[in-house]
Amino acid sequence: MNKEELKKIAEGLIETFDFAGKESIRIFKEGLKIEIKDDKSPVSNGDLRVNDLITKNILKLTPNIPIVSEETVDLNKKNKSKIFWLIDPIDGTKEYIAGKDEYTLNAALVIDTVPVVGLVGVPKKNRLFFTYGLGESYLIEDNKTKKISCEKKQPKDQIVALSSVVKPSDIILNKLKEYNVTSIVKMASSYKFCVIATGEFDIYAARERANEWDYAAGHAVAQNAGAIIKTLDEKPFLYGKEDYRNPSLLIKRSKNLND
């Protein structure tokens, strides 16, 4: 696919993501119905409604490309596709259920192990991120669309890291020390990728955790905005593994985090 085709696909999902985000808020206000999945994680009728909306529109836009969604995936089937969608309708379901504002809606188109198209909606923050190629990452906020490029927003003498947990492991803390991190902020979901893409934060490191659909959309947004994304041991972070499991992760806003 060329860039114009990818752009058409990404922009064709913006209205769906906006509506799905509003639906997630409406359903929360009306009262969630929550079930516990086989892996002991929660799923709500909000997750399922968002999944249905996003999946249906993707099928209309790209009917011949397979879709792998957190809510419908068969983990007994190995992924052998070279081109496929990864969907996490609500990343941060626990935050969503608790009424917090960092949960995200996610869809990414993976081509030859790389997420190229990505959309991340953050409904309660009224932010929608999308991308369709290198140098083409955007944020829609307050009805305005602007290109984002990892330009540093923090003071130059401060390097602020993100963490999924209150107390990161020694392995992660030691890695962050290598980059002279001055403070760590806890944040949920794929929103972490997006605020590195905007330059609001500098770095995020994580041990092996989660699945490909948790990262792919945010990965596309951040990498296409200029972020450097690898594993902790500096290997390429690739998608399309048979079991969908993520390796460790290191995402940096730029090579020099002071600039």
C-alpha atoms as a PDB file:
ATOM      1  CA  MET A   1       0.000   0.000   0.000  1.00  0.00           C
ATOM      2  CA  ASN A   2       1.221   3.513  -0.763  1.00  0.00           C
ATOM      3  CA  LYS A   3       1.002   6.464   1.618  1.00  0.00           C
ATOM      4  CA  GLU A   4      -2.162   7.884   0.036  1.00  0.00           C
ATOM      5  CA  GLU A   5      -3.960   4.572   0.507  1.00  0.00           C
ATOM      6  CA  LEU A   6      -2.811   4.381   4.124  1.00  0.00           C
ATOM      7  CA  LYS A   7      -3.884   7.986   4.707  1.00  0.00           C
ATOM      8  CA  LYS A   8      -7.351   7.222   3.351  1.00  0.00           C
ATOM      9  CA  ILE A   9      -7.669   4.260   5.704  1.00  0.00           C
ATOM     10  CA  ALA A  10      -6.524   6.233   8.781  1.00  0.00           C
ATOM     11  CA  GLU A  11      -8.722   9.234   8.041  1.00  0.00           C
ATOM     12  CA  GLY A  12     -11.614   6.900   7.285  1.00  0.00           C
ATOM     13  CA  LEU A  13     -11.544   5.718  10.892  1.00  0.00           C
ATOM     14  CA  ILE A  14     -11.430   9.107  12.618  1.00  0.00           C
ATOM     15  CA  GLU A  15     -15.196   9.598  12.757  1.00  0.00           C
ATOM     16  CA  THR A  16     -15.661   6.029  14.011  1.00  0.00           C
ATOM     17  CA  PHE A  17     -13.130   6.559  16.802  1.00  0.00           C
ATOM     18  CA  ASP A  18     -14.780   9.820  17.805  1.00  0.00           C
ATOM     19  CA  PHE A  19     -18.203   8.178  17.994  1.00  0.00           C
ATOM     20  CA  ALA A  20     -16.879   5.045  19.730  1.00  0.00           C
ATOM     21  CA  GLY A  21     -15.207   7.224  22.357  1.00  0.00           C
ATOM     22  CA  LYS A  22     -18.465   9.034  23.038  1.00  0.00           C
ATOM     23  CA  GLU A  23     -20.243   5.684  23.241  1.00  0.00           C
ATOM     24  CA  SER A  24     -17.740   4.472  25.849  1.00  0.00           C
ATOM     25  CA  ILE A  25     -18.567   7.477  28.014  1.00  0.00           C
ATOM     26  CA  ARG A  26     -22.321   7.076  27.509  1.00  0.00           C
ATOM     27  CA  ILE A  27     -22.260   3.399  28.458  1.00  0.00           C
ATOM     28  CA  PHE A  28     -20.159   4.127  31.549  1.00  0.00           C
ATOM     29  CA  LYS A  29     -22.647   6.763  32.688  1.00  0.00           C
ATOM     30  CA  GLU A  30     -25.579   4.393  32.170  1.00  0.00           C
ATOM     31  CA  GLY A  31     -23.864   1.666  34.210  1.00  0.00           C
ATOM     32  CA  LEU A  32     -21.366  -0.950  33.082  1.00  0.00           C
ATOM     33  CA  LYS A  33     -21.992  -4.675  32.860  1.00  0.00           C
ATOM     34  CA  ILE A  34     -18.736  -6.412  33.771  1.00  0.00           C
ATOM     35  CA  GLU A  35     -17.588  -9.988  33.230  1.00  0.00           C
ATOM     36  CA  ILE A  36     -14.305 -11.734  34.061  1.00  0.00           C
ATOM     37  CA  LYS A  37     -12.520 -13.389  31.138  1.00  0.00           C
ATOM     38  CA  ASP A  38     -10.612 -16.674  31.242  1.00  0.00           C
ATOM     39  CA  ASP A  39      -7.352 -14.785  31.858  1.00  0.00           C
ATOM     40  CA  LYS A  40      -8.951 -13.201  34.958  1.00  0.00           C
ATOM     41  CA  SER A  41      -9.059  -9.724  33.403  1.00  0.00           C
ATOM     42  CA  PRO A  42     -12.304  -7.727  33.297  1.00  0.00           C
ATOM     43  CA  VAL A  43     -14.310  -6.918  30.186  1.00  0.00           C
ATOM     44  CA  SER A  44     -17.324  -4.608  30.045  1.00  0.00           C
ATOM     45  CA  ASN A  45     -20.170  -3.983  27.651  1.00  0.00           C
ATOM     46  CA  GLY A  46     -18.324  -0.761  26.859  1.00  0.00           C
ATOM     47  CA  ASP A  47     -15.312  -2.765  25.578  1.00  0.00           C
ATOM     48  CA  LEU A  48     -17.584  -4.917  23.437  1.00  0.00           C
ATOM     49  CA  ARG A  49     -19.541  -1.988  21.990  1.00  0.00           C
ATOM     50  CA  VAL A  50     -16.355  -0.149  21.029  1.00  0.00           C
ATOM     51  CA  ASN A  51     -14.921  -3.339  19.547  1.00  0.00           C
ATOM     52  CA  ASP A  52     -18.042  -3.807  17.421  1.00  0.00           C
ATOM     53  CA  LEU A  53     -17.985  -0.227  16.106  1.00  0.00           C
ATOM     54  CA  ILE A  54     -14.298  -0.211  15.206  1.00  0.00           C
ATOM     55  CA  THR A  55     -14.287  -3.717  13.723  1.00  0.00           C
ATOM     56  CA  LYS A  56     -17.292  -3.075  11.481  1.00  0.00           C
ATOM     57  CA  ASN A  57     -15.801   0.066   9.961  1.00  0.00           C
ATOM     58  CA  ILE A  58     -12.401  -1.549   9.447  1.00  0.00           C
ATOM     59  CA  LEU A  59     -14.122  -4.399   7.612  1.00  0.00           C
ATOM     60  CA  LYS A  60     -15.767  -1.856   5.328  1.00  0.00           C
ATOM     61  CA  LEU A  61     -12.468  -0.067   4.629  1.00  0.00           C
ATOM     62  CA  THR A  62     -10.254  -3.157   4.266  1.00  0.00           C
ATOM     63  CA  PRO A  63     -12.494  -6.223   3.819  1.00  0.00           C
ATOM     64  CA  ASN A  64      -9.647  -8.542   2.829  1.00  0.00           C
ATOM     65  CA  ILE A  65      -7.289  -7.815   5.742  1.00  0.00           C
ATOM     66  CA  PRO A  66      -7.654 -10.044   8.834  1.00  0.00           C
ATOM     67  CA  ILE A  67      -8.460  -8.474  12.190  1.00  0.00           C
ATOM     68  CA  VAL A  68      -6.980  -9.564  15.501  1.00  0.00           C
ATOM     69  CA  SER A  69      -8.863  -8.049  18.436  1.00  0.00           C
ATOM     70  CA  GLU A  70      -8.233  -8.588  22.129  1.00  0.00           C
ATOM     71  CA  GLU A  71     -11.917  -9.352  22.647  1.00  0.00           C
ATOM     72  CA  THR A  72     -12.324 -11.956  19.878  1.00  0.00           C
ATOM     73  CA  VAL A  73      -8.852 -13.453  19.295  1.00  0.00           C
ATOM     74  CA  ASP A  74      -8.422 -17.222  19.382  1.00  0.00           C
ATOM     75  CA  LEU A  75      -5.089 -17.701  21.149  1.00  0.00           C
ATOM     76  CA  ASN A  76      -5.004 -21.335  20.039  1.00  0.00           C
ATOM     77  CA  LYS A  77      -4.563 -20.176  16.443  1.00  0.00           C
ATOM     78  CA  LYS A  78      -1.076 -19.026  15.503  1.00  0.00           C
ATOM     79  CA  ASN A  79      -0.773 -15.705  13.713  1.00  0.00           C
ATOM     80  CA  LYS A  80       0.817 -16.214  10.293  1.00  0.00           C
ATOM     81  CA  SER A  81      -0.428 -13.087   8.505  1.00  0.00           C
ATOM     82  CA  LYS A  82       1.978 -10.533   7.022  1.00  0.00           C
ATOM     83  CA  ILE A  83      -0.691  -7.818   6.891  1.00  0.00           C
ATOM     84  CA  PHE A  84      -3.279  -7.619   9.668  1.00  0.00           C
ATOM     85  CA  TRP A  85      -5.097  -5.302  12.060  1.00  0.00           C
ATOM     86  CA  LEU A  86      -4.514  -5.270  15.811  1.00  0.00           C
ATOM     87  CA  ILE A  87      -7.376  -3.864  17.886  1.00  0.00           C
ATOM     88  CA  ASP A  88      -7.605  -3.185  21.593  1.00  0.00           C
ATOM     89  CA  PRO A  89     -11.018  -1.545  21.888  1.00  0.00           C
ATOM     90  CA  ILE A  90     -10.308  -0.299  25.402  1.00  0.00           C
ATOM     91  CA  ASP A  91      -6.775  -0.448  26.718  1.00  0.00           C
ATOM     92  CA  GLY A  92      -6.955   0.202  30.428  1.00  0.00           C
ATOM     93  CA  THR A  93     -10.284  -1.504  31.122  1.00  0.00           C
ATOM     94  CA  LYS A  94      -9.661  -1.303  34.871  1.00  0.00           C
ATOM     95  CA  GLU A  95      -9.195   2.474  34.567  1.00  0.00           C
ATOM     96  CA  TYR A  96     -12.330   2.678  32.423  1.00  0.00           C
ATOM     97  CA  ILE A  97     -14.364   0.749  34.981  1.00  0.00           C
ATOM     98  CA  ALA A  98     -13.012   2.990  37.765  1.00  0.00           C
ATOM     99  CA  GLY A  99     -14.076   6.136  35.886  1.00  0.00           C
ATOM    100  CA  LYS A 100     -10.525   7.361  35.251  1.00  0.00           C
ATOM    101  CA  ASP A 101      -9.449   9.266  32.165  1.00  0.00           C
ATOM    102  CA  GLU A 102      -6.385   7.445  30.777  1.00  0.00           C
ATOM    103  CA  TYR A 103      -8.072   4.532  29.007  1.00  0.00           C
ATOM    104  CA  THR A 104      -7.656   4.429  25.240  1.00  0.00           C
ATOM    105  CA  LEU A 105      -9.251   3.063  22.060  1.00  0.00           C
ATOM    106  CA  ASN A 106      -6.729   1.439  19.715  1.00  0.00           C
ATOM    107  CA  ALA A 107      -6.355   0.098  16.187  1.00  0.00           C
ATOM    108  CA  ALA A 108      -3.196  -0.505  14.171  1.00  0.00           C
ATOM    109  CA  LEU A 109      -2.504  -1.867  10.715  1.00  0.00           C
ATOM    110  CA  VAL A 110       0.644  -4.013  10.739  1.00  0.00           C
ATOM    111  CA  ILE A 111       2.545  -4.578   7.494  1.00  0.00           C
ATOM    112  CA  ASP A 112       5.599  -6.852   7.471  1.00  0.00           C
ATOM    113  CA  THR A 113       6.087  -6.728  11.282  1.00  0.00           C
ATOM    114  CA  VAL A 114       5.737  -2.918  11.528  1.00  0.00           C
ATOM    115  CA  PRO A 115       2.620  -0.988  12.691  1.00  0.00           C
ATOM    116  CA  VAL A 116       2.181   1.602   9.946  1.00  0.00           C
ATOM    117  CA  VAL A 117      -1.322   2.984  10.507  1.00  0.00           C
ATOM    118  CA  GLY A 118      -2.390   3.689  14.071  1.00  0.00           C
ATOM    119  CA  LEU A 119      -5.265   5.405  15.853  1.00  0.00           C
ATOM    120  CA  VAL A 120      -5.443   6.013  19.600  1.00  0.00           C
ATOM    121  CA  GLY A 121      -8.508   7.695  21.042  1.00  0.00           C
ATOM    122  CA  VAL A 122      -8.475   9.126  24.563  1.00  0.00           C
ATOM    123  CA  PRO A 123     -12.160  10.013  25.019  1.00  0.00           C
ATOM    124  CA  LYS A 124     -12.119  11.571  28.477  1.00  0.00           C
ATOM    125  CA  LYS A 125      -9.208  13.825  27.532  1.00  0.00           C
ATOM    126  CA  ASN A 126     -10.820  14.755  24.203  1.00  0.00           C
ATOM    127  CA  ARG A 127      -7.702  13.702  22.309  1.00  0.00           C
ATOM    128  CA  LEU A 128      -7.409  11.540  19.204  1.00  0.00           C
ATOM    129  CA  PHE A 129      -4.039  10.545  17.753  1.00  0.00           C
ATOM    130  CA  PHE A 130      -3.576   9.057  14.297  1.00  0.00           C
ATOM    131  CA  THR A 131      -0.790   8.226  11.883  1.00  0.00           C
ATOM    132  CA  TYR A 132      -0.309   6.696   8.456  1.00  0.00           C
ATOM    133  CA  GLY A 133       3.436   6.865   7.849  1.00  0.00           C
ATOM    134  CA  LEU A 134       6.808   8.218   8.893  1.00  0.00           C
ATOM    135  CA  GLY A 135       6.560  11.930   9.648  1.00  0.00           C
ATOM    136  CA  GLU A 136       2.755  11.754   9.516  1.00  0.00           C
ATOM    137  CA  SER A 137       1.551  11.606  13.116  1.00  0.00           C
ATOM    138  CA  TYR A 138      -1.255  13.907  14.204  1.00  0.00           C
ATOM    139  CA  LEU A 139      -3.281  14.966  17.229  1.00  0.00           C
ATOM    140  CA  ILE A 140      -6.889  16.110  17.015  1.00  0.00           C
ATOM    141  CA  GLU A 141      -7.747  18.263  20.022  1.00  0.00           C
ATOM    142  CA  ASP A 142     -10.315  21.049  20.463  1.00  0.00           C
ATOM    143  CA  ASN A 143     -11.487  20.410  16.873  1.00  0.00           C
ATOM    144  CA  LYS A 144      -8.016  21.233  15.558  1.00  0.00           C
ATOM    145  CA  THR A 145      -5.589  18.841  13.866  1.00  0.00           C
ATOM    146  CA  LYS A 146      -1.864  19.376  14.329  1.00  0.00           C
ATOM    147  CA  LYS A 147       1.216  17.392  13.365  1.00  0.00           C
ATOM    148  CA  ILE A 148       3.263  16.058  16.287  1.00  0.00           C
ATOM    149  CA  SER A 149       6.999  15.395  16.231  1.00  0.00           C
ATOM    150  CA  CYS A 150       8.354  14.461  19.697  1.00  0.00           C
ATOM    151  CA  GLU A 151       9.592  18.029  20.263  1.00  0.00           C
ATOM    152  CA  LYS A 152      10.557  18.333  23.930  1.00  0.00           C
ATOM    153  CA  LYS A 153       8.026  20.101  26.171  1.00  0.00           C
ATOM    154  CA  GLN A 154       9.794  19.571  29.520  1.00  0.00           C
ATOM    155  CA  PRO A 155      12.631  21.899  30.628  1.00  0.00           C
ATOM    156  CA  LYS A 156      15.952  20.740  29.128  1.00  0.00           C
ATOM    157  CA  ASP A 157      17.398  19.888  32.525  1.00  0.00           C
ATOM    158  CA  GLN A 158      14.517  17.519  33.301  1.00  0.00           C
ATOM    159  CA  ILE A 159      14.063  14.030  31.867  1.00  0.00           C
ATOM    160  CA  VAL A 160      10.694  12.617  32.848  1.00  0.00           C
ATOM    161  CA  ALA A 161       9.941   8.901  32.506  1.00  0.00           C
ATOM    162  CA  LEU A 162       6.620   7.100  32.475  1.00  0.00           C
ATOM    163  CA  SER A 163       5.748   3.900  34.312  1.00  0.00           C
ATOM    164  CA  SER A 164       2.764   1.536  34.388  1.00  0.00           C
ATOM    165  CA  VAL A 165       3.335   0.895  38.096  1.00  0.00           C
ATOM    166  CA  VAL A 166       4.009   3.001  41.167  1.00  0.00           C
ATOM    167  CA  LYS A 167       7.302   1.233  41.926  1.00  0.00           C
ATOM    168  CA  PRO A 168       9.188   0.039  38.820  1.00  0.00           C
ATOM    169  CA  SER A 169      11.461  -2.997  39.155  1.00  0.00           C
ATOM    170  CA  ASP A 170      15.194  -2.635  39.753  1.00  0.00           C
ATOM    171  CA  ILE A 171      15.811  -3.653  36.137  1.00  0.00           C
ATOM    172  CA  ILE A 172      13.703  -0.752  34.887  1.00  0.00           C
ATOM    173  CA  LEU A 173      15.109   1.731  37.408  1.00  0.00           C
ATOM    174  CA  ASN A 174      18.653   0.817  36.397  1.00  0.00           C
ATOM    175  CA  LYS A 175      17.782   1.275  32.730  1.00  0.00           C
ATOM    176  CA  LEU A 176      16.263   4.702  33.435  1.00  0.00           C
ATOM    177  CA  LYS A 177      19.387   5.720  35.369  1.00  0.00           C
ATOM    178  CA  GLU A 178      21.368   5.232  32.160  1.00  0.00           C
ATOM    179  CA  TYR A 179      19.376   8.150  30.732  1.00  0.00           C
ATOM    180  CA  ASN A 180      19.674  10.406  33.797  1.00  0.00           C
ATOM    181  CA  VAL A 181      15.937  10.391  34.442  1.00  0.00           C
ATOM    182  CA  THR A 182      14.978  13.059  36.986  1.00  0.00           C
ATOM    183  CA  SER A 183      11.430  11.908  37.794  1.00  0.00           C
ATOM    184  CA  ILE A 184       8.928   9.133  37.068  1.00  0.00           C
ATOM    185  CA  VAL A 185       5.190   9.564  36.477  1.00  0.00           C
ATOM    186  CA  LYS A 186       2.705   6.674  36.659  1.00  0.00           C
ATOM    187  CA  MET A 187       0.398   6.462  33.654  1.00  0.00           C
ATOM    188  CA  ALA A 188      -1.950   3.802  32.290  1.00  0.00           C
ATOM    189  CA  SER A 189      -2.590   2.416  28.813  1.00  0.00           C
ATOM    190  CA  SER A 190      -1.169   3.210  25.388  1.00  0.00           C
ATOM    191  CA  TYR A 191      -1.566   6.889  26.219  1.00  0.00           C
ATOM    192  CA  LYS A 192       2.073   6.686  27.331  1.00  0.00           C
ATOM    193  CA  PHE A 193       3.209   6.259  23.725  1.00  0.00           C
ATOM    194  CA  CYS A 194       1.172   9.244  22.620  1.00  0.00           C
ATOM    195  CA  VAL A 195       2.464  11.724  25.190  1.00  0.00           C
ATOM    196  CA  ILE A 196       5.999  10.766  24.240  1.00  0.00           C
ATOM    197  CA  ALA A 197       5.010  11.410  20.617  1.00  0.00           C
ATOM    198  CA  THR A 198       3.890  14.923  21.586  1.00  0.00           C
ATOM    199  CA  GLY A 199       7.097  15.541  23.548  1.00  0.00           C
ATOM    200  CA  GLU A 200       5.264  15.913  26.876  1.00  0.00           C
ATOM    201  CA  PHE A 201       7.329  13.059  28.350  1.00  0.00           C
ATOM    202  CA  ASP A 202      10.703  11.591  27.462  1.00  0.00           C
ATOM    203  CA  ILE A 203      11.027   7.857  28.012  1.00  0.00           C
ATOM    204  CA  TYR A 204       9.175   4.669  28.950  1.00  0.00           C
ATOM    205  CA  ALA A 205      10.733   1.294  29.731  1.00  0.00           C
ATOM    206  CA  ALA A 206       8.958  -1.966  30.523  1.00  0.00           C
ATOM    207  CA  ARG A 207       9.798  -5.615  31.020  1.00  0.00           C
ATOM    208  CA  GLU A 208       7.978  -8.287  29.003  1.00  0.00           C
ATOM    209  CA  ARG A 209       4.272  -7.604  29.452  1.00  0.00           C
ATOM    210  CA  ALA A 210       0.941  -7.436  27.685  1.00  0.00           C
ATOM    211  CA  ASN A 211       0.159  -8.347  24.080  1.00  0.00           C
ATOM    212  CA  GLU A 212       0.751  -6.842  20.671  1.00  0.00           C
ATOM    213  CA  TRP A 213      -2.668  -5.168  20.519  1.00  0.00           C
ATOM    214  CA  ASP A 214      -1.833  -3.205  23.690  1.00  0.00           C
ATOM    215  CA  TYR A 215       1.135  -1.475  22.054  1.00  0.00           C
ATOM    216  CA  ALA A 216       0.747  -1.435  18.266  1.00  0.00           C
ATOM    217  CA  ALA A 217      -1.382   1.685  17.712  1.00  0.00           C
ATOM    218  CA  GLY A 218       0.581   3.801  20.176  1.00  0.00           C
ATOM    219  CA  HIS A 219       3.816   2.423  18.744  1.00  0.00           C
ATOM    220  CA  ALA A 220       2.824   3.603  15.257  1.00  0.00           C
ATOM    221  CA  VAL A 221       1.903   7.083  16.498  1.00  0.00           C
ATOM    222  CA  ALA A 222       5.129   7.525  18.466  1.00  0.00           C
ATOM    223  CA  GLN A 223       7.541   5.994  15.968  1.00  0.00           C
ATOM    224  CA  ASN A 224       6.092   7.942  13.051  1.00  0.00           C
ATOM    225  CA  ALA A 225       6.429  11.110  15.151  1.00  0.00           C
ATOM    226  CA  GLY A 226      10.142  10.420  15.564  1.00  0.00           C
ATOM    227  CA  ALA A 227      10.419   8.301  18.707  1.00  0.00           C
ATOM    228  CA  ILE A 228      12.963   5.489  18.958  1.00  0.00           C
ATOM    229  CA  ILE A 229      11.347   2.180  19.915  1.00  0.00           C
ATOM    230  CA  LYS A 230      13.298  -0.999  20.678  1.00  0.00           C
ATOM    231  CA  THR A 231      13.516  -3.761  23.261  1.00  0.00           C
ATOM    232  CA  LEU A 232      15.501  -3.189  26.456  1.00  0.00           C
ATOM    233  CA  ASP A 233      18.477  -4.934  24.862  1.00  0.00           C
ATOM    234  CA  GLU A 234      18.283  -2.655  21.808  1.00  0.00           C
ATOM    235  CA  LYS A 235      16.719  -5.148  19.406  1.00  0.00           C
ATOM    236  CA  PRO A 236      13.975  -4.171  16.916  1.00  0.00           C
ATOM    237  CA  PHE A 237      10.463  -4.263  18.393  1.00  0.00           C
ATOM    238  CA  LEU A 238       8.476  -6.264  15.842  1.00  0.00           C
ATOM    239  CA  TYR A 239       4.889  -7.502  15.476  1.00  0.00           C
ATOM    240  CA  GLY A 240       3.314 -10.635  14.064  1.00  0.00           C
ATOM    241  CA  LYS A 241       4.542 -13.168  16.621  1.00  0.00           C
ATOM    242  CA  GLU A 242       2.571 -16.388  16.664  1.00  0.00           C
ATOM    243  CA  ASP A 243       1.487 -15.931  20.300  1.00  0.00           C
ATOM    244  CA  TYR A 244       1.131 -12.101  20.192  1.00  0.00           C
ATOM    245  CA  ARG A 245       3.210 -11.665  23.364  1.00  0.00           C
ATOM    246  CA  ASN A 246       5.296  -8.506  23.737  1.00  0.00           C
ATOM    247  CA  PRO A 247       9.008  -8.525  24.496  1.00  0.00           C
ATOM    248  CA  SER A 248      10.530  -5.855  26.740  1.00  0.00           C
ATOM    249  CA  LEU A 249      10.178  -2.256  25.590  1.00  0.00           C
ATOM    250  CA  LEU A 250      12.210   0.929  25.516  1.00  0.00           C
ATOM    251  CA  ILE A 251      10.698   4.013  23.914  1.00  0.00           C
ATOM    252  CA  LYS A 252      12.677   7.253  23.794  1.00  0.00           C
ATOM    253  CA  ARG A 253      11.449  10.605  22.552  1.00  0.00           C
ATOM    254  CA  SER A 254      14.781  11.117  20.800  1.00  0.00           C
ATOM    255  CA  LYS A 255      18.397   9.948  20.903  1.00  0.00           C
ATOM    256  CA  ASN A 256      19.353  12.849  23.212  1.00  0.00           C
ATOM    257  CA  LEU A 257      16.599  13.308  25.782  1.00  0.00           C
ATOM    258  CA  ASN A 258      17.856  16.742  26.850  1.00  0.00           C
ATOM    259  CA  ASP A 259      17.176  18.227  23.411  1.00  0.00           C
END
